[in-house]
Amino acid sequence: MKMSSATTQINAPSETIWAILTDGAKYPDWDPGLISLTGKIAPGEKLTIYAKISPNRAFKVTVSEFVVNRKMVWGSGMPLGLFKGERVFTLDPLPAGQVQFTIKEV
């Protein structure tokens, strides 16, 4: 199993960061690896992502976990468990109005 993650501290309230994370149309503005993201980012919803690494292939994911201002998980997979992938976004409040933001892909 491969995993990658990144963590940073952001000087903004969780609500502000969450608003950015749940605005799919604007992902290409701040995520340099994405061409587009369509669909409503909400519990149980399906999203379609086009990434620069494979611009002619649509990645279909489902929002499998959604805790407002705290955590969101997108997942996809193949039948019989041949492949399963997840992208996890976590927001942990810190003192003085900061947030520790972590993104992890498995």
Protein backbone atom coordinates (compact mmCIF):
# COMPACT_ATOMS: atom_id res chain seq x y z
CA MET A 1 0.00 0.00 0.00
CA LYS A 2 1.34 3.43 -0.95
CA MET A 3 0.61 6.51 1.09
CA SER A 4 1.58 10.15 0.86
CA SER A 5 0.65 13.06 3.06
CA ALA A 6 1.36 16.72 3.68
CA THR A 7 0.63 18.89 6.69
CA THR A 8 0.77 22.64 7.18
CA GLN A 9 -0.46 25.27 9.60
CA ILE A 10 -2.84 27.85 8.19
CA ASN A 11 -3.68 31.22 9.76
CA ALA A 12 -7.41 31.05 9.12
CA PRO A 13 -10.47 29.61 10.84
CA SER A 14 -11.61 26.09 9.97
CA GLU A 15 -14.78 27.51 8.41
CA THR A 16 -12.78 29.52 5.85
CA ILE A 17 -10.63 26.53 4.89
CA TRP A 18 -13.68 24.25 4.72
CA ALA A 19 -15.41 26.66 2.33
CA ILE A 20 -12.41 26.41 0.00
CA LEU A 21 -12.24 22.60 0.27
CA THR A 22 -15.91 22.20 -0.60
CA ASP A 23 -15.90 24.51 -3.64
CA GLY A 24 -15.07 21.98 -6.34
CA ALA A 25 -15.16 24.39 -9.27
CA LYS A 26 -12.25 26.34 -7.80
CA TYR A 27 -9.90 23.40 -7.13
CA PRO A 28 -7.84 24.08 -10.29
CA ASP A 29 -7.18 27.60 -8.93
CA TRP A 30 -5.18 26.23 -6.00
CA ASP A 31 -4.41 22.55 -6.73
CA PRO A 32 -1.75 22.53 -9.46
CA GLY A 33 -2.37 18.86 -10.25
CA LEU A 34 -6.03 19.24 -11.24
CA ILE A 35 -7.64 20.29 -14.49
CA SER A 36 -11.22 20.16 -13.19
CA LEU A 37 -13.44 18.83 -10.45
CA THR A 38 -17.20 18.55 -10.99
CA GLY A 39 -19.98 17.43 -8.70
CA LYS A 40 -21.31 18.59 -5.36
CA ILE A 41 -18.86 18.06 -2.50
CA ALA A 42 -21.28 16.72 0.10
CA PRO A 43 -21.91 13.44 1.96
CA GLY A 44 -22.49 10.50 -0.37
CA GLU A 45 -22.06 12.58 -3.54
CA LYS A 46 -20.04 11.49 -6.55
CA LEU A 47 -17.28 13.69 -7.98
CA THR A 48 -15.48 13.59 -11.31
CA ILE A 49 -11.85 14.68 -11.35
CA TYR A 50 -9.52 15.30 -14.28
CA ALA A 51 -5.87 15.44 -13.28
CA LYS A 52 -2.87 16.71 -15.24
CA ILE A 53 -1.11 13.37 -14.72
CA SER A 54 -3.74 11.68 -16.94
CA PRO A 55 -5.77 14.45 -18.62
CA ASN A 56 -7.95 12.16 -20.75
CA ARG A 57 -9.05 9.96 -17.86
CA ALA A 58 -11.87 10.81 -15.48
CA PHE A 59 -11.35 9.77 -11.87
CA LYS A 60 -14.70 9.07 -10.21
CA VAL A 61 -14.77 9.32 -6.42
CA THR A 62 -17.44 9.31 -3.74
CA VAL A 63 -17.50 11.56 -0.66
CA SER A 64 -17.56 8.79 1.94
CA GLU A 65 -17.01 10.84 5.10
CA PHE A 66 -17.99 14.45 5.73
CA VAL A 67 -17.62 16.11 9.13
CA VAL A 68 -18.15 19.84 8.56
CA ASN A 69 -15.08 21.96 9.35
CA ARG A 70 -13.11 18.87 10.48
CA LYS A 71 -12.73 15.94 8.07
CA MET A 72 -13.63 14.78 4.59
CA VAL A 73 -12.80 11.54 2.77
CA TRP A 74 -13.08 10.83 -0.94
CA GLY A 75 -12.78 7.24 -2.09
CA SER A 76 -12.90 5.04 -5.14
CA GLY A 77 -12.15 1.46 -5.97
CA MET A 78 -12.55 -1.52 -8.25
CA PRO A 79 -14.72 -4.60 -7.81
CA LEU A 80 -13.42 -7.41 -5.60
CA GLY A 81 -11.10 -5.01 -3.81
CA LEU A 82 -8.52 -5.03 -6.63
CA PHE A 83 -7.88 -1.34 -5.97
CA LYS A 84 -9.01 1.07 -3.32
CA GLY A 85 -7.92 4.68 -3.04
CA GLU A 86 -8.73 7.41 -0.55
CA ARG A 87 -7.96 11.08 -0.17
CA VAL A 88 -8.42 12.33 3.40
CA PHE A 89 -8.62 16.02 4.33
CA THR A 90 -8.28 16.82 8.05
CA LEU A 91 -8.58 20.17 9.84
CA ASP A 92 -7.35 20.29 13.44
CA PRO A 93 -7.84 23.58 15.32
CA LEU A 94 -4.75 25.08 16.97
CA PRO A 95 -4.38 27.97 19.42
CA ALA A 96 -4.62 31.56 18.20
CA GLY A 97 -7.06 30.81 15.37
CA GLN A 98 -4.71 28.59 13.39
CA VAL A 99 -5.57 25.25 11.83
CA GLN A 100 -3.37 22.27 11.10
CA PHE A 101 -4.37 21.04 7.66
CA THR A 102 -3.42 17.53 6.56
CA ILE A 103 -4.09 15.86 3.24
CA LYS A 104 -3.34 12.17 2.90
CA GLU A 105 -3.68 9.78 -0.04
CA VAL A 106 -3.68 6.03 0.35
